[in-house]
Amino acid sequence: MSRNGWIIAGLLTALALATIWNAESGGPRKTWQLCKESLVTQIFTGECTLRFRGETTPS
């Protein structure tokens, strides 16, 4: 593999590890995660059905 290939592979590995670490450590909850609809649906329709009781601030 060329040098650029190794750099891209390293960056993708670092991104994957950071994503897994954030998910496993209970990282900050995104406001769009409070809705049952997917992010794409929220962007195009503006709908948000709250996923959890007690949450009052949808995206």
N, C-alpha and C. Protein backbone atom coordinates (compact mmCIF):
# COMPACT_ATOMS: atom_id res chain seq x y z
N MET A 1 0.84 -1.16 0.00
CA MET A 1 0.00 0.00 0.00
C MET A 1 0.90 1.23 0.00
N SER A 2 0.47 2.27 -0.70
CA SER A 2 1.26 3.49 -0.77
C SER A 2 1.17 4.27 0.54
N ARG A 3 1.97 5.29 0.63
CA ARG A 3 2.00 6.11 1.84
C ARG A 3 0.64 6.76 2.08
N ASN A 4 0.01 7.28 1.03
CA ASN A 4 -1.30 7.91 1.19
C ASN A 4 -2.35 6.90 1.65
N GLY A 5 -2.25 5.69 1.17
CA GLY A 5 -3.18 4.65 1.60
C GLY A 5 -3.05 4.35 3.08
N TRP A 6 -1.82 4.32 3.58
CA TRP A 6 -1.60 4.08 5.01
C TRP A 6 -2.15 5.23 5.85
N ILE A 7 -1.98 6.45 5.35
CA ILE A 7 -2.49 7.61 6.08
C ILE A 7 -4.02 7.56 6.16
N ILE A 8 -4.67 7.25 5.05
CA ILE A 8 -6.13 7.16 5.03
C ILE A 8 -6.60 6.03 5.94
N ALA A 9 -5.93 4.89 5.88
CA ALA A 9 -6.30 3.76 6.74
C ALA A 9 -6.15 4.12 8.22
N GLY A 10 -5.09 4.83 8.56
CA GLY A 10 -4.88 5.26 9.94
C GLY A 10 -5.94 6.24 10.40
N LEU A 11 -6.31 7.18 9.54
CA LEU A 11 -7.34 8.15 9.89
C LEU A 11 -8.71 7.47 10.07
N LEU A 12 -9.03 6.53 9.20
CA LEU A 12 -10.30 5.81 9.33
C LEU A 12 -10.33 4.97 10.60
N THR A 13 -9.20 4.36 10.94
CA THR A 13 -9.12 3.58 12.18
C THR A 13 -9.30 4.48 13.39
N ALA A 14 -8.66 5.64 13.39
CA ALA A 14 -8.79 6.58 14.50
C ALA A 14 -10.24 7.06 14.63
N LEU A 15 -10.89 7.34 13.51
CA LEU A 15 -12.28 7.77 13.54
C LEU A 15 -13.19 6.67 14.09
N ALA A 16 -12.96 5.44 13.67
CA ALA A 16 -13.76 4.32 14.16
C ALA A 16 -13.57 4.13 15.67
N LEU A 17 -12.34 4.19 16.14
CA LEU A 17 -12.08 4.03 17.57
C LEU A 17 -12.69 5.17 18.38
N ALA A 18 -12.62 6.40 17.87
CA ALA A 18 -13.21 7.53 18.57
C ALA A 18 -14.73 7.41 18.65
N THR A 19 -15.34 6.93 17.59
CA THR A 19 -16.79 6.75 17.57
C THR A 19 -17.22 5.67 18.56
N ILE A 20 -16.50 4.56 18.58
CA ILE A 20 -16.82 3.47 19.52
C ILE A 20 -16.61 3.94 20.95
N TRP A 21 -15.52 4.64 21.22
CA TRP A 21 -15.24 5.13 22.57
C TRP A 21 -16.33 6.09 23.03
N ASN A 22 -16.77 7.00 22.14
CA ASN A 22 -17.81 7.96 22.50
C ASN A 22 -19.12 7.24 22.82
N ALA A 23 -19.46 6.24 22.04
CA ALA A 23 -20.71 5.51 22.26
C ALA A 23 -20.66 4.70 23.55
N GLU A 24 -19.53 4.08 23.84
CA GLU A 24 -19.41 3.22 25.02
C GLU A 24 -19.25 4.00 26.32
N SER A 25 -18.69 5.19 26.25
CA SER A 25 -18.46 5.96 27.47
C SER A 25 -19.63 6.86 27.82
N GLY A 26 -20.71 6.77 27.06
CA GLY A 26 -21.88 7.61 27.35
C GLY A 26 -21.59 9.06 27.09
N GLY A 27 -21.00 9.34 25.95
CA GLY A 27 -20.65 10.70 25.58
C GLY A 27 -21.87 11.61 25.50
N PRO A 28 -21.65 12.86 25.16
CA PRO A 28 -22.77 13.81 25.14
C PRO A 28 -23.86 13.39 24.17
N ARG A 29 -25.11 13.51 24.60
CA ARG A 29 -26.25 13.13 23.77
C ARG A 29 -26.57 14.28 22.81
N LYS A 30 -26.71 13.94 21.56
CA LYS A 30 -27.05 14.93 20.54
C LYS A 30 -28.54 15.24 20.62
N THR A 31 -28.93 16.48 20.31
CA THR A 31 -30.34 16.84 20.40
C THR A 31 -31.18 16.09 19.39
N TRP A 32 -30.62 15.73 18.25
CA TRP A 32 -31.40 15.00 17.26
C TRP A 32 -31.63 13.55 17.66
N GLN A 33 -30.93 13.07 18.68
CA GLN A 33 -31.14 11.70 19.15
C GLN A 33 -32.36 11.58 20.06
N LEU A 34 -32.96 12.71 20.44
CA LEU A 34 -34.15 12.66 21.29
C LEU A 34 -35.39 12.28 20.50
N CYS A 35 -35.33 12.33 19.17
CA CYS A 35 -36.49 12.07 18.32
C CYS A 35 -36.48 10.63 17.82
N LYS A 36 -37.69 10.09 17.62
CA LYS A 36 -37.82 8.74 17.09
C LYS A 36 -37.51 8.69 15.60
N GLU A 37 -37.76 9.78 14.89
CA GLU A 37 -37.52 9.82 13.45
C GLU A 37 -36.02 9.89 13.17
N SER A 38 -35.65 9.47 11.97
CA SER A 38 -34.24 9.55 11.59
C SER A 38 -33.85 11.00 11.36
N LEU A 39 -32.56 11.27 11.35
CA LEU A 39 -32.08 12.63 11.14
C LEU A 39 -32.51 13.17 9.78
N VAL A 40 -32.49 12.31 8.76
CA VAL A 40 -32.90 12.74 7.41
C VAL A 40 -34.37 13.17 7.43
N THR A 41 -35.22 12.39 8.09
CA THR A 41 -36.64 12.74 8.19
C THR A 41 -36.81 14.06 8.93
N GLN A 42 -36.05 14.27 9.98
CA GLN A 42 -36.14 15.51 10.74
C GLN A 42 -35.74 16.71 9.89
N ILE A 43 -34.72 16.54 9.06
CA ILE A 43 -34.24 17.65 8.22
C ILE A 43 -35.30 18.05 7.21
N PHE A 44 -35.91 17.07 6.54
CA PHE A 44 -36.83 17.37 5.44
C PHE A 44 -38.25 17.67 5.89
N THR A 45 -38.71 17.10 7.02
CA THR A 45 -40.10 17.32 7.44
C THR A 45 -40.22 18.15 8.70
N GLY A 46 -39.19 18.21 9.51
CA GLY A 46 -39.24 18.95 10.76
C GLY A 46 -39.99 18.22 11.86
N GLU A 47 -40.37 16.96 11.65
CA GLU A 47 -41.10 16.18 12.66
C GLU A 47 -40.15 15.69 13.75
N CYS A 48 -40.69 15.65 14.97
CA CYS A 48 -39.92 15.09 16.07
C CYS A 48 -40.86 14.53 17.12
N THR A 49 -40.93 13.22 17.22
CA THR A 49 -41.68 12.55 18.27
C THR A 49 -40.65 12.16 19.33
N LEU A 50 -40.81 12.71 20.53
CA LEU A 50 -39.81 12.48 21.57
C LEU A 50 -39.70 11.00 21.91
N ARG A 51 -38.47 10.54 22.01
CA ARG A 51 -38.18 9.13 22.29
C ARG A 51 -38.31 8.82 23.78
N PHE A 52 -37.95 9.76 24.64
CA PHE A 52 -37.92 9.53 26.08
C PHE A 52 -38.91 10.45 26.78
N ARG A 53 -39.53 9.95 27.84
CA ARG A 53 -40.41 10.80 28.63
C ARG A 53 -39.58 11.76 29.46
N GLY A 54 -40.11 12.94 29.68
CA GLY A 54 -39.42 13.92 30.50
C GLY A 54 -38.52 14.85 29.70
N GLU A 55 -38.17 14.49 28.49
CA GLU A 55 -37.36 15.37 27.65
C GLU A 55 -38.28 16.42 27.04
N THR A 56 -37.87 17.66 27.09
CA THR A 56 -38.75 18.73 26.60
C THR A 56 -38.15 19.54 25.46
N THR A 57 -36.95 19.21 25.05
CA THR A 57 -36.32 20.03 24.01
C THR A 57 -35.97 19.18 22.81
N PRO A 58 -36.89 19.02 21.85
CA PRO A 58 -36.54 18.31 20.62
C PRO A 58 -35.66 19.17 19.75
N SER A 59 -35.08 18.56 18.74
CA SER A 59 -34.21 19.31 17.84
C SER A 59 -35.02 20.21 16.95
